[in-house]
C-alpha atoms as a PDB file:
ATOM      1  CA  MET A   1       0.000   0.000   0.000  1.00  0.00           C
ATOM      2  CA  THR A   2       2.811   2.422   0.752  1.00  0.00           C
ATOM      3  CA  ARG A   3       4.162   1.860  -2.775  1.00  0.00           C
ATOM      4  CA  LEU A   4       0.797   3.032  -4.127  1.00  0.00           C
ATOM      5  CA  ASN A   5       0.597   5.968  -1.732  1.00  0.00           C
ATOM      6  CA  PRO A   6       3.693   6.930   0.257  1.00  0.00           C
ATOM      7  CA  HIS A   7       1.554   9.201   2.479  1.00  0.00           C
ATOM      8  CA  VAL A   8      -0.312   6.221   3.955  1.00  0.00           C
ATOM      9  CA  ARG A   9       0.757   5.053   7.389  1.00  0.00           C
ATOM     10  CA  ILE A  10      -0.067   1.432   8.145  1.00  0.00           C
ATOM     11  CA  ILE A  11      -0.434   0.260  11.714  1.00  0.00           C
ATOM     12  CA  ARG A  12      -0.847  -3.475  12.053  1.00  0.00           C
ATOM     13  CA  PHE A  13      -2.575  -5.182  14.974  1.00  0.00           C
ATOM     14  CA  GLU A  14      -2.236  -8.903  15.436  1.00  0.00           C
ATOM     15  CA  GLU A  15      -4.880  -9.323  18.083  1.00  0.00           C
ATOM     16  CA  ARG A  16      -8.600 -10.004  18.054  1.00  0.00           C
ATOM     17  CA  PHE A  17     -10.823  -6.926  18.232  1.00  0.00           C
ATOM     18  CA  SER A  18     -12.230  -6.535  21.732  1.00  0.00           C
ATOM     19  CA  SER A  19     -13.516  -3.780  23.982  1.00  0.00           C
ATOM     20  CA  GLN A  20     -10.163  -3.661  25.793  1.00  0.00           C
ATOM     21  CA  MET A  21      -8.152  -3.564  22.566  1.00  0.00           C
ATOM     22  CA  ALA A  22     -10.403  -0.838  21.179  1.00  0.00           C
ATOM     23  CA  ALA A  23     -10.201   1.303  24.318  1.00  0.00           C
ATOM     24  CA  THR A  24      -6.422   1.199  24.048  1.00  0.00           C
ATOM     25  CA  HIS A  25      -6.065   1.924  20.335  1.00  0.00           C
ATOM     26  CA  LEU A  26      -9.147   3.722  18.953  1.00  0.00           C
ATOM     27  CA  PRO A  27      -8.548   7.166  20.483  1.00  0.00           C
ATOM     28  CA  ARG A  28      -5.583   7.523  18.070  1.00  0.00           C
ATOM     29  CA  PHE A  29      -7.802   7.143  14.993  1.00  0.00           C
ATOM     30  CA  ASP A  30     -10.330   9.290  13.161  1.00  0.00           C
ATOM     31  CA  LEU A  31     -12.666   6.572  11.876  1.00  0.00           C
ATOM     32  CA  LEU A  32     -13.583   2.917  12.428  1.00  0.00           C
ATOM     33  CA  ILE A  33     -14.852   0.681   9.634  1.00  0.00           C
ATOM     34  CA  ASP A  34     -16.451  -2.581  10.768  1.00  0.00           C
ATOM     35  CA  GLY A  35     -17.183  -5.464   8.430  1.00  0.00           C
ATOM     36  CA  SER A  36     -17.082  -8.220  11.040  1.00  0.00           C
ATOM     37  CA  ASP A  37     -19.220 -11.337  10.794  1.00  0.00           C
ATOM     38  CA  ASN A  38     -20.544 -11.623  14.343  1.00  0.00           C
ATOM     39  CA  PHE A  39     -22.687  -9.544  16.650  1.00  0.00           C
ATOM     40  CA  GLU A  40     -20.274  -9.665  19.585  1.00  0.00           C
ATOM     41  CA  THR A  41     -17.641  -7.818  17.553  1.00  0.00           C
ATOM     42  CA  ARG A  42     -20.207  -5.444  16.028  1.00  0.00           C
ATOM     43  CA  TYR A  43     -21.466  -4.372  19.459  1.00  0.00           C
ATOM     44  CA  ALA A  44     -17.890  -4.013  20.729  1.00  0.00           C
ATOM     45  CA  ALA A  45     -16.962  -1.890  17.698  1.00  0.00           C
ATOM     46  CA  ALA A  46     -20.040   0.319  18.047  1.00  0.00           C
ATOM     47  CA  ASP A  47     -19.542   0.832  21.780  1.00  0.00           C
ATOM     48  CA  ALA A  48     -15.825   1.533  21.338  1.00  0.00           C
ATOM     49  CA  ALA A  49     -16.331   4.022  18.506  1.00  0.00           C
ATOM     50  CA  GLU A  50     -18.967   5.837  20.564  1.00  0.00           C
ATOM     51  CA  ALA A  51     -16.680   5.967  23.615  1.00  0.00           C
ATOM     52  CA  ALA A  52     -13.784   7.240  21.467  1.00  0.00           C
ATOM     53  CA  ARG A  53     -16.155   9.710  19.756  1.00  0.00           C
ATOM     54  CA  ILE A  54     -15.176   8.617  16.256  1.00  0.00           C
ATOM     55  CA  PRO A  55     -17.527   7.755  13.391  1.00  0.00           C
ATOM     56  CA  LEU A  56     -18.283   4.124  12.635  1.00  0.00           C
ATOM     57  CA  VAL A  57     -19.067   2.801   9.174  1.00  0.00           C
ATOM     58  CA  THR A  58     -20.595  -0.618   9.693  1.00  0.00           C
ATOM     59  CA  GLY A  59     -21.714  -3.163   7.148  1.00  0.00           C
ATOM     60  CA  ALA A  60     -22.884  -6.744   7.087  1.00  0.00           C
ATOM     61  CA  VAL A  61     -23.720  -9.346   4.475  1.00  0.00           C
ATOM     62  CA  GLY A  62     -25.988 -12.352   4.275  1.00  0.00           C
ATOM     63  CA  ARG A  63     -25.977 -14.959   1.544  1.00  0.00           C
ATOM     64  CA  PHE A  64     -27.313 -12.604  -1.139  1.00  0.00           C
ATOM     65  CA  ASP A  65     -27.979  -9.340   0.681  1.00  0.00           C
ATOM     66  CA  GLY A  66     -26.124  -6.675   2.570  1.00  0.00           C
ATOM     67  CA  SER A  67     -26.626  -3.610   4.736  1.00  0.00           C
ATOM     68  CA  LEU A  68     -24.626  -0.623   5.902  1.00  0.00           C
ATOM     69  CA  THR A  69     -24.965   2.524   7.957  1.00  0.00           C
ATOM     70  CA  VAL A  70     -22.872   5.270   9.559  1.00  0.00           C
ATOM     71  CA  LEU A  71     -22.972   5.983  13.277  1.00  0.00           C
ATOM     72  CA  LYS A  72     -22.076   9.111  15.255  1.00  0.00           C
ATOM     73  CA  PRO A  73     -24.246   8.684  18.382  1.00  0.00           C
ATOM     74  CA  TYR A  74     -22.240  11.279  20.298  1.00  0.00           C
ATOM     75  CA  GLU A  75     -23.407  14.082  17.951  1.00  0.00           C
ATOM     76  CA  THR A  76     -26.768  15.763  17.505  1.00  0.00           C
ATOM     77  CA  GLY A  77     -28.710  16.001  14.271  1.00  0.00           C
ATOM     78  CA  ALA A  78     -30.355  19.049  12.712  1.00  0.00           C
ATOM     79  CA  ASP A  79     -33.346  18.486  15.027  1.00  0.00           C
ATOM     80  CA  GLY A  80     -31.141  18.826  18.137  1.00  0.00           C
ATOM     81  CA  GLN A  81     -31.593  15.156  19.077  1.00  0.00           C
ATOM     82  CA  LEU A  82     -28.711  12.727  19.560  1.00  0.00           C
ATOM     83  CA  LEU A  83     -28.012  10.688  16.442  1.00  0.00           C
ATOM     84  CA  PRO A  84     -28.864   6.988  16.692  1.00  0.00           C
ATOM     85  CA  ALA A  85     -26.511   4.308  17.966  1.00  0.00           C
ATOM     86  CA  TYR A  86     -26.013   0.699  16.816  1.00  0.00           C
ATOM     87  CA  ARG A  87     -28.303  -0.514  19.595  1.00  0.00           C
ATOM     88  CA  ASP A  88     -31.106   1.617  18.158  1.00  0.00           C
ATOM     89  CA  LEU A  89     -31.031  -0.686  15.130  1.00  0.00           C
ATOM     90  CA  PHE A  90     -30.247  -3.878  17.023  1.00  0.00           C
ATOM     91  CA  PRO A  91     -31.169  -3.522  20.728  1.00  0.00           C
ATOM     92  CA  LYS A  92     -30.095  -7.109  21.393  1.00  0.00           C
ATOM     93  CA  ALA A  93     -28.119  -9.666  19.455  1.00  0.00           C
ATOM     94  CA  PRO A  94     -30.151 -12.523  18.012  1.00  0.00           C
ATOM     95  CA  PRO A  95     -29.999 -15.814  19.903  1.00  0.00           C
ATOM     96  CA  ALA A  96     -26.821 -17.816  19.346  1.00  0.00           C
ATOM     97  CA  GLY A  97     -27.045 -19.982  16.249  1.00  0.00           C
ATOM     98  CA  LEU A  98     -29.943 -18.057  14.670  1.00  0.00           C
ATOM     99  CA  VAL A  99     -27.775 -16.028  12.292  1.00  0.00           C
ATOM    100  CA  PRO A 100     -24.986 -18.139  10.794  1.00  0.00           C
ATOM    101  CA  ALA A 101     -21.505 -16.681  10.384  1.00  0.00           C
ATOM    102  CA  CYS A 102     -20.318 -16.006   6.848  1.00  0.00           C
ATOM    103  CA  ALA A 103     -18.180 -19.150   6.833  1.00  0.00           C
ATOM    104  CA  GLU A 104     -21.243 -21.252   7.694  1.00  0.00           C
ATOM    105  CA  ALA A 105     -23.788 -19.594   5.398  1.00  0.00           C
ATOM    106  CA  GLY A 106     -21.612 -19.098   2.358  1.00  0.00           C
ATOM    107  CA  ILE A 107     -21.336 -15.608   0.936  1.00  0.00           C
ATOM    108  CA  VAL A 108     -21.084 -14.598  -2.713  1.00  0.00           C
ATOM    109  CA  GLY A 109     -17.718 -12.870  -3.065  1.00  0.00           C
ATOM    110  CA  ALA A 110     -19.096 -10.187  -5.370  1.00  0.00           C
ATOM    111  CA  LEU A 111     -21.586  -9.228  -2.648  1.00  0.00           C
ATOM    112  CA  THR A 112     -18.797  -8.384  -0.219  1.00  0.00           C
ATOM    113  CA  GLY A 113     -17.284  -6.272  -2.987  1.00  0.00           C
ATOM    114  CA  VAL A 114     -20.519  -4.306  -3.419  1.00  0.00           C
ATOM    115  CA  VAL A 115     -21.020  -3.702   0.305  1.00  0.00           C
ATOM    116  CA  GLY A 116     -17.310  -3.034   0.886  1.00  0.00           C
ATOM    117  CA  THR A 117     -17.248  -0.468  -1.909  1.00  0.00           C
ATOM    118  CA  LEU A 118     -20.300   1.289  -0.466  1.00  0.00           C
ATOM    119  CA  MET A 119     -18.640   1.304   2.965  1.00  0.00           C
ATOM    120  CA  ALA A 120     -15.497   2.810   1.414  1.00  0.00           C
ATOM    121  CA  MET A 121     -17.618   5.552  -0.161  1.00  0.00           C
ATOM    122  CA  GLU A 122     -19.149   6.355   3.236  1.00  0.00           C
ATOM    123  CA  ALA A 123     -15.647   6.548   4.735  1.00  0.00           C
ATOM    124  CA  ILE A 124     -14.531   8.897   1.956  1.00  0.00           C
ATOM    125  CA  LYS A 125     -17.523  11.155   2.623  1.00  0.00           C
ATOM    126  CA  LEU A 126     -16.691  11.280   6.332  1.00  0.00           C
ATOM    127  CA  ILE A 127     -12.985  11.923   5.784  1.00  0.00           C
ATOM    128  CA  THR A 128     -13.482  14.635   3.167  1.00  0.00           C
ATOM    129  CA  GLY A 129     -16.611  16.187   4.666  1.00  0.00           C
ATOM    130  CA  ILE A 130     -18.529  15.966   1.391  1.00  0.00           C
ATOM    131  CA  GLY A 131     -21.890  14.420   0.633  1.00  0.00           C
ATOM    132  CA  GLU A 132     -24.488  13.029   2.989  1.00  0.00           C
ATOM    133  CA  PRO A 133     -23.347  10.032   5.055  1.00  0.00           C
ATOM    134  CA  LEU A 134     -25.866   7.329   5.976  1.00  0.00           C
ATOM    135  CA  LEU A 135     -26.492   8.792   9.446  1.00  0.00           C
ATOM    136  CA  GLY A 136     -29.849   7.569  10.740  1.00  0.00           C
ATOM    137  CA  ARG A 137     -30.313   5.612   7.534  1.00  0.00           C
ATOM    138  CA  LEU A 138     -29.761   1.918   6.896  1.00  0.00           C
ATOM    139  CA  MET A 139     -29.006   1.021   3.281  1.00  0.00           C
ATOM    140  CA  LEU A 140     -30.160  -2.451   2.283  1.00  0.00           C
ATOM    141  CA  TYR A 141     -28.917  -4.202  -0.847  1.00  0.00           C
ATOM    142  CA  ASP A 142     -30.712  -7.204  -2.362  1.00  0.00           C
ATOM    143  CA  GLY A 143     -28.187  -8.854  -4.663  1.00  0.00           C
ATOM    144  CA  LEU A 144     -30.695 -11.206  -6.259  1.00  0.00           C
ATOM    145  CA  ALA A 145     -33.143  -8.450  -7.228  1.00  0.00           C
ATOM    146  CA  ALA A 146     -30.414  -5.816  -7.819  1.00  0.00           C
ATOM    147  CA  ARG A 147     -32.333  -3.422  -5.576  1.00  0.00           C
ATOM    148  CA  PHE A 148     -31.324  -0.849  -2.994  1.00  0.00           C
ATOM    149  CA  ASP A 149     -33.638   0.356  -0.224  1.00  0.00           C
ATOM    150  CA  VAL A 150     -32.956   2.904   2.506  1.00  0.00           C
ATOM    151  CA  VAL A 151     -34.707   2.749   5.881  1.00  0.00           C
ATOM    152  CA  ASN A 152     -34.643   5.710   8.279  1.00  0.00           C
ATOM    153  CA  TYR A 153     -34.168   5.046  11.988  1.00  0.00           C
ATOM    154  CA  LYS A 154     -33.935   7.218  15.095  1.00  0.00           C
ATOM    155  CA  ARG A 155     -32.534   7.198  18.594  1.00  0.00           C
ATOM    156  CA  ARG A 156     -34.528   5.215  21.127  1.00  0.00           C
ATOM    157  CA  ALA A 157     -35.077   6.359  24.685  1.00  0.00           C
ATOM    158  CA  SER A 158     -32.390   3.977  25.960  1.00  0.00           C
ATOM    159  CA  THR A 159     -29.721   2.363  23.787  1.00  0.00           C
ATOM    160  CA  LYS A 160     -27.352   0.856  26.320  1.00  0.00           C
ATOM    161  CA  GLY A 161     -27.537  -2.920  26.591  1.00  0.00           C
END
């Protein structure tokens, strides 16, 4: 990567993402992008990004569908209300075994490319300050129907779980 762009600084972590790891390292960064395949890591990433007060671009894929959103629950929207958090979308993780991991379900590689590219675009918008990030909006992609839908969501009264 540094051969492509000598201005890029790469910091490598060889440890599993956890709340403790995030609390140690995230305050040094400007943005977190999460494409993990389990709810435990997604909740840890969302909580850590909120605590560090950095934006989170989060995406997930199923067999033939994907979703993504941007979170900044420490900021207020135009209406003066706090922006939604991850737990406003998913107050509780589904029961163990209900949602298979990517390795179990099988994921179409092109689907991860679509969702990953959309996540990269959200990150670019946040970094450059241009455009309208998916704050309070969940983008859904149906790969079989080649259809995008966007669902609005808001902050709930209580989002801590």
